[in-house]
Structure formats: C-alpha cells, structure tokens
Amino acid sequence: MSSAVAEKTARTRRPFPWSEVVTTLAAFVMAFLIGAILMIVADPEVSKKWTYFLSRPSDALTASWDKVSGAYGALIMGSVGSWKAFTETTSAAAPLISAGLGMALAFRAGLFNIGAQGQAIMGATLAAYAGFSITNLPLIVHLPLALLLGVLAGALWGGFAGWLRAATGAHEVIVTIMLNYVASLTLAWLLTTNAFLREGRKDPIAPEVQFSATFPRLEGGQLHLGFLLALLAAGGVWWLMERSTVGFRIKAVGANPDAAATAGMSVARTTVVAMTLSGALAGLAGVQAALGPGDFGLPTPLSMGLVGSIGFDAITVALLGRSKPFGVVLAGMLFGAMHAGGLAMQSQADTPLTLTTVLQALIVMFVAAPMLVRTVVPFLKARKAQPPSLAGEATTATVAAVAAENGAKA
C-alpha cells in the first residue's frame, strides 16, 4: 500500500526544457507558415499551377517557393537588411514601444486602458502645435518644451479616465473608448480652425513643425532621439515596477485590490497614478509620431491620420511582450520591423501590406494560446517525470515497506 501511494505521489509532469521559449518560436513559425499559405492562395498564377500538381508537381512547388521566399526575403531586407532599413524599423518601433509600455503598466495595475489611441492623439496634437506655432527658440529649449507638453497632454487624458474610475466607479474600458472618440473629433475640429489649419490649404492639415522642435537623427537613416527616449522609458518603467514603492503598490492593487486596501494602500490613488503614467507614455508615443523626422528631415505635418493605429497596436505589443518592459521592447521592434519590411514586401514582391497585419494577428493569437501550439507540436507537451525530492520519498517508502514485509516473514 505504501509503495503504491509513493508511486502515485512521485508521478508528476515536467515541462519540456525551455518550453516557453520554444513555444514562442513555434508560434512564430506557425504564423509564418499560415502566411505563406495565404500568399500562395491569393496569387492567381501560383494557385493555378496547383490545379495540375499531380501531373507536374515541380511547377507548383517552384512557383510557391519563389513567391514565399521572395516575399519574406523582401520583408527581412526591408526591415534589417541594411543600416537604413534597420533605422526605418527603429523609427516605426519607437511609438509602439512607448505606447506598449503604457498599456503594460496599466495591465499590471489590473486596468485595461483602451484609450492609448486618444492619449497619443492628444500628445501628438499639443506637441505639434508647440512645434509649429512657437518660433525663434533654440532646439535645446523648443524640443523639450514640445516634448513636455505632449507627454503632459497624454498624462491628463489618461489621468482623467483614472479619476473617473476611482471617484465614480466608471469602467475604464468604456471611459477610455469614449475618450478616444473625443480626442479624434477634437483634432478634426482643431484642424478646421485658423490656429491649426495651414495657410492656403482647405484640406485638414497643419503647418510643418519647426526644425528646432524636431528629434535629431543620425545621418544616413531614420534613427532619431525618439527611439532612445523609448528605450529610456522602458528602463524607467522597469525601475518603477521592480525597484520603487509606487510600482509595488501598482502590482499589489493589480493582483488583489481588496488585499491592498486591507494593507493600507489607497486603491483609488494608485488607480489614478497608474492611468496617469500610462497616459503619459501613450502621449510620448504621440510626440514621437509628431516630432519624428521624415524622409526629408522634417516631421510629417499633423493630420487626422498622423497617429495611425498606434494606440490599438500598442495593446497587442503589450500582450505579446507579456506586460514586461524588455518583452515590450522586443515586441515593438518586431512590429516595427514588420511595418518597415511590409512596405518593401509590397513594392518588391507584389504582396499586399495587409498581409503583415494578418501575420501580426496570427503571432499574437498563437503566443496567447500556448496550449494550441503545444497540441500542434507534440514534443512541447509536458511529460511524466519523477522529481528528485519525490523520488527520494518514494524510495524511502518502498524500502520501509520491503523491510516491514521481511520482518513479518521473519
């Protein structure tokens, strides 16, 4: 009886070594395999060759390989294939990293901030306005001023949502979604006013930002100060969450607000602080979009489409990065690379840019569903094993049982 119990106790399941890392890599491989299938199916010439696969299989296989390798080759070369391509990746990744950090911080506080889009729009709006309306200031004064105003705008926009949650109990998801509309429509209205509309233009576009308010960049590429600020923000968020009392309170409230309140922490204050910091980081993303230099050295003028979908993409970046600063940086670089490489893939391999969006969605889906990946890749499944500690207990119990039996026989 004792040996049977010990054997049952010792039986456990041990995960495959480096299971989490390998599962993530497998998720990427599966996403790119499905993307390859979509490319083949969407191309009429390639899919036509599959209709007579049984008679001439080499035609279909060769055409499929050329299509897929050409598209993915262009994706890689357009994102990291040269110094200029790599800097294009960093330029696209900078606002994604900043906004992703804001989402990650809110997630750690147990808050689902859907308002990064609106916070980024407000940050871009105020930063751009400071950039084109204020003149005759040196860069060392003008740029920090525009940067500060943009970050402050995002912080106030996010902090207002946090205050509503703390003071009235309004759900942050509903509040931040509504504030996204308010921010977008506010920008649309501002672009019709004389203060924002470019002189001589009737379409909604603002004047160009002054060079003194533009992020400096290295020659020969698009690597600019905004990317460095994103990395510094990642380091700051890591320190805040892992080394400061504010971060400890944020994590405590996110894990169990009732227990945090019992321990004497102010849940309402922590909620406002977390949403304010989250909004500030999203506002920084808007600043990076508004003040980041374009191909000709000056930022893209403020318009309705300047921010794009940065705020919504940041949610997937934070989820893919598992709400950890280092993970968010890697996820932001990945999405930036896919954006930069997707443009090259579209122009060189005649592959729609929307395919990169499909790839991003597939990657997030597979990473968020590790059990699905482990089902498809059997060797990643947990396997039965006998840990040393339990094995020792089982051996001791077995020896004791055998000794008892021998004693009874004697």
Protein backbone atom coordinates (compact mmCIF):
# COMPACT_ATOMS: atom_id res chain seq x y z
CA MET A 1 0.00 0.00 0.00
CA SER A 2 2.79 2.38 0.94
CA SER A 3 4.68 1.75 -2.28
CA ALA A 4 1.55 2.34 -4.37
CA VAL A 5 0.89 5.67 -2.67
CA ALA A 6 4.52 6.69 -3.07
CA GLU A 7 4.48 5.74 -6.73
CA LYS A 8 1.33 7.78 -7.31
CA THR A 9 2.78 10.74 -5.43
CA ALA A 10 6.03 10.59 -7.38
CA ARG A 11 4.23 10.61 -10.68
CA THR A 12 4.18 14.20 -11.93
CA ARG A 13 4.50 16.13 -15.17
CA ARG A 14 7.60 18.11 -16.02
CA PRO A 15 7.56 20.67 -18.84
CA PHE A 16 9.93 20.37 -21.76
CA PRO A 17 13.18 22.28 -21.09
CA TRP A 18 12.96 25.89 -22.34
CA SER A 19 9.31 25.14 -23.10
CA GLU A 20 8.14 28.75 -23.01
CA VAL A 21 10.88 29.99 -25.35
CA VAL A 22 10.42 27.12 -27.79
CA THR A 23 6.64 27.55 -27.69
CA THR A 24 7.00 31.22 -28.62
CA LEU A 25 9.34 30.35 -31.50
CA ALA A 26 6.91 27.67 -32.64
CA ALA A 27 4.13 30.27 -32.60
CA PHE A 28 6.16 32.46 -34.95
CA VAL A 29 6.89 29.55 -37.28
CA MET A 30 3.21 28.57 -37.41
CA ALA A 31 2.17 32.16 -38.12
CA PHE A 32 4.64 32.49 -40.99
CA LEU A 33 3.61 29.09 -42.40
CA ILE A 34 -0.03 30.17 -42.49
CA GLY A 35 1.07 33.46 -44.03
CA ALA A 36 2.90 31.51 -46.74
CA ILE A 37 -0.24 29.51 -47.49
CA LEU A 38 -2.27 32.71 -47.76
CA MET A 39 0.29 34.18 -50.18
CA ILE A 40 0.08 31.09 -52.38
CA VAL A 41 -3.72 31.00 -52.36
CA ALA A 42 -4.04 34.75 -53.02
CA ASP A 43 -1.72 34.71 -56.05
CA PRO A 44 -3.73 33.63 -59.15
CA GLU A 45 -0.68 32.49 -61.11
CA VAL A 46 0.70 30.36 -58.30
CA SER A 47 -2.64 28.85 -57.32
CA LYS A 48 -3.32 27.99 -60.97
CA LYS A 49 -0.21 25.80 -61.05
CA TRP A 50 -1.60 23.76 -58.17
CA THR A 51 -4.55 22.67 -60.34
CA TYR A 52 -2.25 20.30 -62.26
CA PHE A 53 0.02 19.42 -59.32
CA LEU A 54 -0.27 15.66 -59.85
CA SER A 55 1.00 15.85 -63.43
CA ARG A 56 3.73 18.47 -62.92
CA PRO A 57 4.38 18.97 -59.21
CA SER A 58 7.63 20.86 -59.77
CA ASP A 59 5.79 23.81 -61.35
CA ALA A 60 3.59 24.36 -58.29
CA LEU A 61 6.38 23.82 -55.79
CA THR A 62 8.82 26.09 -57.63
CA ALA A 63 6.28 28.89 -58.09
CA SER A 64 5.21 28.64 -54.45
CA TRP A 65 8.79 28.73 -53.22
CA ASP A 66 9.63 31.72 -55.41
CA LYS A 67 6.57 33.59 -54.18
CA VAL A 68 7.07 32.89 -50.48
CA SER A 69 10.86 33.27 -50.41
CA GLY A 70 10.67 36.47 -52.43
CA ALA A 71 8.06 37.99 -50.12
CA TYR A 72 9.73 37.00 -46.86
CA GLY A 73 13.14 37.91 -48.27
CA ALA A 74 11.85 41.40 -49.05
CA LEU A 75 10.35 41.57 -45.56
CA ILE A 76 13.70 40.77 -43.96
CA MET A 77 15.76 43.00 -46.23
CA GLY A 78 13.33 45.88 -45.83
CA SER A 79 13.48 45.69 -42.04
CA VAL A 80 17.01 44.64 -41.06
CA GLY A 81 18.79 44.07 -44.37
CA SER A 82 20.80 47.29 -44.20
CA TRP A 83 21.56 50.12 -41.81
CA LYS A 84 18.92 52.34 -43.42
CA ALA A 85 16.36 49.53 -43.26
CA PHE A 86 17.16 48.91 -39.60
CA THR A 87 16.72 52.59 -38.79
CA GLU A 88 13.33 52.51 -40.54
CA THR A 89 12.44 49.71 -38.14
CA THR A 90 13.53 51.73 -35.11
CA SER A 91 11.55 54.74 -36.33
CA ALA A 92 8.38 52.66 -36.64
CA ALA A 93 9.04 50.84 -33.37
CA ALA A 94 9.62 53.90 -31.15
CA PRO A 95 5.97 54.96 -30.67
CA LEU A 96 4.85 51.32 -30.43
CA ILE A 97 7.31 50.69 -27.60
CA SER A 98 6.28 53.81 -25.70
CA ALA A 99 2.55 53.18 -26.03
CA GLY A 100 3.06 49.48 -25.34
CA LEU A 101 4.83 50.34 -22.09
CA GLY A 102 1.84 52.45 -21.12
CA MET A 103 -0.53 49.56 -21.80
CA ALA A 104 1.71 47.15 -19.90
CA LEU A 105 1.81 49.43 -16.87
CA ALA A 106 -1.99 49.69 -16.84
CA PHE A 107 -2.32 45.92 -17.20
CA ARG A 108 -0.04 45.39 -14.20
CA ALA A 109 -2.39 47.63 -12.21
CA GLY A 110 -5.36 45.49 -13.20
CA LEU A 111 -6.66 48.18 -15.58
CA PHE A 112 -7.49 47.72 -19.25
CA ASN A 113 -6.61 51.04 -20.84
CA ILE A 114 -8.17 51.10 -24.31
CA GLY A 115 -7.54 54.84 -24.56
CA ALA A 116 -3.94 54.84 -25.75
CA GLN A 117 -5.15 55.96 -29.17
CA GLY A 118 -6.83 59.05 -27.77
CA GLN A 119 -3.94 59.76 -25.42
CA ALA A 120 -1.47 59.51 -28.31
CA ILE A 121 -3.65 61.81 -30.43
CA MET A 122 -3.73 64.44 -27.70
CA GLY A 123 0.02 64.12 -27.18
CA ALA A 124 0.69 64.50 -30.89
CA THR A 125 -1.72 67.43 -31.17
CA LEU A 126 -0.20 69.50 -28.39
CA ALA A 127 3.39 68.62 -29.33
CA ALA A 128 2.82 69.50 -32.98
CA TYR A 129 1.09 72.76 -32.06
CA ALA A 130 4.02 73.76 -29.88
CA GLY A 131 6.32 72.72 -32.71
CA PHE A 132 4.82 74.89 -35.44
CA SER A 133 3.29 77.80 -33.51
CA ILE A 134 6.31 78.76 -31.39
CA THR A 135 9.19 80.29 -33.32
CA ASN A 136 12.63 81.73 -32.69
CA LEU A 137 13.54 79.28 -29.95
CA PRO A 138 16.74 77.22 -29.90
CA LEU A 139 16.43 73.45 -30.21
CA ILE A 140 17.61 72.92 -26.63
CA VAL A 141 14.53 74.83 -25.42
CA HIS A 142 11.94 74.28 -28.16
CA LEU A 143 12.21 70.48 -28.39
CA PRO A 144 11.97 69.78 -24.62
CA LEU A 145 9.03 72.18 -24.39
CA ALA A 146 7.09 70.44 -27.18
CA LEU A 147 8.00 67.05 -25.72
CA LEU A 148 6.86 68.03 -22.23
CA LEU A 149 3.56 69.46 -23.45
CA GLY A 150 2.78 66.33 -25.47
CA VAL A 151 3.55 63.97 -22.60
CA LEU A 152 1.53 66.16 -20.23
CA ALA A 153 -1.46 66.09 -22.59
CA GLY A 154 -1.41 62.28 -22.68
CA ALA A 155 -1.00 62.11 -18.91
CA LEU A 156 -4.00 64.37 -18.30
CA TRP A 157 -6.12 62.41 -20.78
CA GLY A 158 -5.25 59.11 -19.11
CA GLY A 159 -5.41 60.53 -15.59
CA PHE A 160 -8.92 61.84 -16.20
CA ALA A 161 -10.07 58.31 -17.07
CA GLY A 162 -8.36 57.00 -13.94
CA TRP A 163 -10.03 59.66 -11.80
CA LEU A 164 -13.45 58.73 -13.18
CA ARG A 165 -12.74 55.09 -12.34
CA ALA A 166 -11.57 55.92 -8.82
CA ALA A 167 -14.19 58.55 -7.97
CA THR A 168 -17.33 57.22 -9.65
CA GLY A 169 -16.60 53.57 -10.37
CA ALA A 170 -16.97 54.13 -14.13
CA HIS A 171 -15.35 51.25 -16.01
CA GLU A 172 -12.08 52.33 -17.60
CA VAL A 173 -12.78 50.38 -20.80
CA ILE A 174 -15.95 52.33 -21.58
CA VAL A 175 -14.48 55.65 -20.46
CA THR A 176 -11.28 55.31 -22.48
CA ILE A 177 -13.13 54.16 -25.60
CA MET A 178 -15.34 57.24 -25.41
CA LEU A 179 -12.32 59.46 -24.81
CA ASN A 180 -10.77 58.05 -28.00
CA TYR A 181 -13.70 59.47 -29.95
CA VAL A 182 -13.48 62.77 -28.08
CA ALA A 183 -9.77 63.09 -28.89
CA SER A 184 -10.22 62.18 -32.55
CA LEU A 185 -13.13 64.55 -33.08
CA THR A 186 -11.36 67.31 -31.16
CA LEU A 187 -8.41 67.03 -33.54
CA ALA A 188 -10.79 67.05 -36.52
CA TRP A 189 -12.33 70.28 -35.25
CA LEU A 190 -8.99 71.91 -34.44
CA LEU A 191 -7.76 71.25 -37.98
CA THR A 192 -10.58 73.46 -39.27
CA THR A 193 -9.56 76.43 -37.10
CA ASN A 194 -7.15 79.15 -38.11
CA ALA A 195 -4.80 78.20 -35.27
CA PHE A 196 -4.14 74.75 -36.78
CA LEU A 197 -5.03 74.92 -40.48
CA ARG A 198 -2.10 75.55 -42.80
CA GLU A 199 -2.33 78.86 -44.63
CA GLY A 200 -3.54 78.50 -48.19
CA ARG A 201 -4.90 74.96 -47.65
CA LYS A 202 -8.50 73.86 -47.32
CA ASP A 203 -7.80 70.21 -46.50
CA PRO A 204 -7.32 69.45 -42.78
CA ILE A 205 -3.55 69.62 -42.40
CA ALA A 206 -1.43 71.68 -40.02
CA PRO A 207 1.74 73.66 -40.79
CA GLU A 208 5.09 71.91 -40.70
CA VAL A 209 6.82 71.58 -37.35
CA GLN A 210 9.84 73.83 -36.92
CA PHE A 211 13.24 72.19 -37.27
CA SER A 212 14.05 73.37 -33.74
CA ALA A 213 11.28 71.08 -32.41
CA THR A 214 12.28 68.02 -34.45
CA PHE A 215 14.03 65.00 -32.96
CA PRO A 216 17.68 64.97 -34.10
CA ARG A 217 18.62 61.94 -36.19
CA LEU A 218 21.78 60.25 -37.39
CA GLU A 219 22.78 60.82 -40.98
CA GLY A 220 22.03 58.08 -43.46
CA GLY A 221 18.90 56.74 -41.81
CA GLN A 222 15.87 57.34 -39.62
CA LEU A 223 17.39 56.57 -36.21
CA HIS A 224 16.40 59.56 -34.10
CA LEU A 225 16.17 60.69 -30.50
CA GLY A 226 12.64 59.34 -30.16
CA PHE A 227 13.89 55.74 -30.24
CA LEU A 228 16.39 56.49 -27.47
CA LEU A 229 13.58 58.00 -25.41
CA ALA A 230 11.56 54.81 -25.91
CA LEU A 231 14.44 52.71 -24.57
CA LEU A 232 14.90 55.08 -21.63
CA ALA A 233 11.18 54.84 -20.94
CA ALA A 234 11.47 51.03 -20.89
CA GLY A 235 14.28 51.26 -18.35
CA GLY A 236 12.27 53.73 -16.30
CA VAL A 237 9.19 51.51 -16.27
CA TRP A 238 11.32 48.52 -15.23
CA TRP A 239 12.81 50.51 -12.33
CA LEU A 240 9.39 51.84 -11.35
CA MET A 241 7.78 48.40 -11.26
CA GLU A 242 10.67 46.45 -9.74
CA ARG A 243 12.52 48.91 -7.51
CA SER A 244 10.07 51.54 -6.28
CA THR A 245 7.28 51.62 -3.72
CA VAL A 246 4.93 53.11 -6.33
CA GLY A 247 5.48 50.09 -8.55
CA PHE A 248 4.94 47.75 -5.62
CA ARG A 249 1.60 49.43 -4.90
CA ILE A 250 0.60 49.21 -8.56
CA LYS A 251 1.35 45.49 -8.68
CA ALA A 252 -0.36 44.89 -5.34
CA VAL A 253 -3.53 46.67 -6.43
CA GLY A 254 -3.46 44.84 -9.74
CA ALA A 255 -3.08 41.46 -8.05
CA ASN A 256 -5.72 41.94 -5.36
CA PRO A 257 -7.24 45.38 -4.69
CA ASP A 258 -9.09 44.18 -1.59
CA ALA A 259 -5.92 42.83 -0.02
CA ALA A 260 -4.06 46.01 -0.98
CA ALA A 261 -6.74 48.13 0.69
CA THR A 262 -6.58 45.95 3.80
CA ALA A 263 -2.82 46.52 3.89
CA GLY A 264 -3.43 50.28 4.00
CA MET A 265 -2.85 51.13 0.33
CA SER A 266 -5.10 53.66 -1.40
CA VAL A 267 -6.61 51.80 -4.35
CA ALA A 268 -8.18 54.98 -5.74
CA ARG A 269 -4.92 56.94 -5.65
CA THR A 270 -2.98 54.05 -7.18
CA THR A 271 -5.56 53.76 -9.96
CA VAL A 272 -5.21 57.45 -10.84
CA VAL A 273 -1.40 57.26 -10.71
CA ALA A 274 -1.29 54.16 -12.93
CA MET A 275 -3.62 55.63 -15.54
CA THR A 276 -1.75 58.94 -15.49
CA LEU A 277 1.59 57.22 -16.09
CA SER A 278 0.01 55.02 -18.76
CA GLY A 279 -1.39 58.10 -20.50
CA ALA A 280 1.96 59.88 -20.27
CA LEU A 281 3.68 57.01 -22.08
CA ALA A 282 0.96 56.94 -24.73
CA GLY A 283 1.36 60.70 -25.05
CA LEU A 284 5.08 60.14 -25.58
CA ALA A 285 4.16 57.83 -28.47
CA GLY A 286 2.12 60.64 -29.99
CA VAL A 287 5.06 63.03 -29.54
CA GLN A 288 7.34 60.58 -31.34
CA ALA A 289 4.88 60.43 -34.23
CA ALA A 290 4.53 64.22 -34.37
CA LEU A 291 8.18 65.24 -33.91
CA GLY A 292 10.00 62.30 -35.50
CA PRO A 293 11.83 63.35 -38.68
CA GLY A 294 10.57 62.10 -42.02
CA ASP A 295 12.49 61.32 -45.19
CA PHE A 296 13.32 64.98 -45.78
CA GLY A 297 14.34 65.80 -42.22
CA LEU A 298 11.11 67.41 -41.01
CA PRO A 299 8.23 65.61 -39.27
CA THR A 300 5.05 64.66 -41.10
CA PRO A 301 2.56 67.53 -40.60
CA LEU A 302 -0.26 66.98 -38.13
CA SER A 303 -3.34 65.47 -39.73
CA MET A 304 -6.11 63.02 -38.86
CA GLY A 305 -4.01 60.06 -39.96
CA LEU A 306 -0.71 61.01 -38.34
CA VAL A 307 -1.04 58.76 -35.29
CA GLY A 308 -2.48 55.91 -37.34
CA SER A 309 -3.42 52.92 -35.18
CA ILE A 310 -0.52 53.23 -32.72
CA GLY A 311 -2.78 53.13 -29.68
CA PHE A 312 -4.54 49.95 -30.73
CA ASP A 313 -1.35 48.25 -31.92
CA ALA A 314 0.15 49.03 -28.52
CA ILE A 315 -2.36 46.68 -26.89
CA THR A 316 -1.07 43.74 -28.93
CA VAL A 317 2.52 44.84 -28.31
CA ALA A 318 1.93 44.81 -24.55
CA LEU A 319 0.19 41.43 -24.70
CA LEU A 320 2.93 39.94 -26.87
CA GLY A 321 5.56 41.34 -24.51
CA ARG A 322 3.69 39.82 -21.54
CA SER A 323 3.50 43.28 -19.93
CA LYS A 324 7.24 43.23 -19.17
CA PRO A 325 9.40 46.19 -20.31
CA PHE A 326 12.02 44.06 -22.06
CA GLY A 327 9.32 41.98 -23.72
CA VAL A 328 7.51 45.13 -24.87
CA VAL A 329 10.73 46.44 -26.46
CA LEU A 330 11.19 43.18 -28.38
CA ALA A 331 7.53 43.10 -29.43
CA GLY A 332 7.69 46.74 -30.52
CA MET A 333 10.81 46.05 -32.57
CA LEU A 334 9.06 43.07 -34.18
CA PHE A 335 6.02 45.11 -35.14
CA GLY A 336 8.25 47.95 -36.33
CA ALA A 337 10.22 45.51 -38.47
CA MET A 338 7.03 44.10 -39.97
CA HIS A 339 5.81 47.60 -40.77
CA ALA A 340 9.08 48.66 -42.40
CA GLY A 341 9.56 45.31 -44.13
CA GLY A 342 5.93 45.19 -45.20
CA LEU A 343 6.43 48.27 -47.35
CA ALA A 344 9.38 46.59 -49.08
CA MET A 345 7.40 43.37 -49.44
CA GLN A 346 4.58 45.26 -51.13
CA SER A 347 6.82 47.11 -53.58
CA GLN A 348 9.30 44.33 -54.39
CA ALA A 349 7.26 41.12 -54.12
CA ASP A 350 3.81 42.44 -55.06
CA THR A 351 2.40 41.24 -51.75
CA PRO A 352 -0.32 43.29 -50.01
CA LEU A 353 0.78 45.28 -46.99
CA THR A 354 -2.27 43.94 -45.17
CA LEU A 355 -0.57 40.55 -45.01
CA THR A 356 1.75 41.91 -42.32
CA THR A 357 -1.33 42.77 -40.26
CA VAL A 358 -2.52 39.19 -40.70
CA LEU A 359 0.89 37.91 -39.58
CA GLN A 360 0.80 40.13 -36.50
CA ALA A 361 -2.65 38.84 -35.60
CA LEU A 362 -1.57 35.21 -36.06
CA ILE A 363 1.56 35.70 -33.95
CA VAL A 364 -0.42 37.25 -31.11
CA MET A 365 -3.08 34.54 -31.36
CA PHE A 366 -0.58 31.68 -31.16
CA VAL A 367 1.51 33.31 -28.43
CA ALA A 368 -1.65 33.94 -26.40
CA ALA A 369 -2.75 30.31 -26.86
CA PRO A 370 0.30 28.19 -25.92
CA MET A 371 -1.85 25.09 -25.43
CA LEU A 372 -2.80 25.25 -29.11
CA VAL A 373 0.86 25.41 -30.10
CA ARG A 374 1.75 22.52 -27.80
CA THR A 375 -1.06 20.47 -29.32
CA VAL A 376 0.31 21.03 -32.82
CA VAL A 377 3.92 20.49 -31.71
CA PRO A 378 3.73 17.32 -29.57
CA PHE A 379 7.26 17.36 -28.13
CA LEU A 380 6.45 20.60 -26.28
CA LYS A 381 3.85 18.86 -24.16
CA ALA A 382 4.58 18.27 -20.51
CA ARG A 383 5.96 14.81 -19.87
CA LYS A 384 5.77 12.48 -16.92
CA ALA A 385 8.76 12.63 -14.65
CA GLN A 386 9.87 11.90 -11.12
CA PRO A 387 11.49 14.87 -9.36
CA PRO A 388 14.47 14.03 -7.14
CA SER A 389 12.74 15.03 -3.90
CA LEU A 390 9.68 12.94 -4.59
CA ALA A 391 11.82 10.14 -5.93
CA GLY A 392 13.72 10.07 -2.65
CA GLU A 393 10.48 9.91 -0.68
CA ALA A 394 9.21 7.12 -2.91
CA THR A 395 12.43 5.15 -2.48
CA THR A 396 12.33 5.56 1.30
CA ALA A 397 8.72 4.43 1.42
CA THR A 398 9.48 1.43 -0.77
CA VAL A 399 12.47 0.39 1.36
CA ALA A 400 10.38 0.73 4.51
CA ALA A 401 7.63 -1.41 3.00
CA VAL A 402 10.09 -4.12 1.96
CA ALA A 403 11.69 -4.08 5.42
CA ALA A 404 8.29 -4.45 7.04
CA GLU A 405 7.45 -7.40 4.81
CA ASN A 406 10.79 -9.09 5.59
CA GLY A 407 10.23 -8.52 9.30
CA ALA A 408 6.79 -10.08 9.09
CA LYS A 409 8.19 -13.13 7.29
CA ALA A 410 10.93 -13.48 9.89
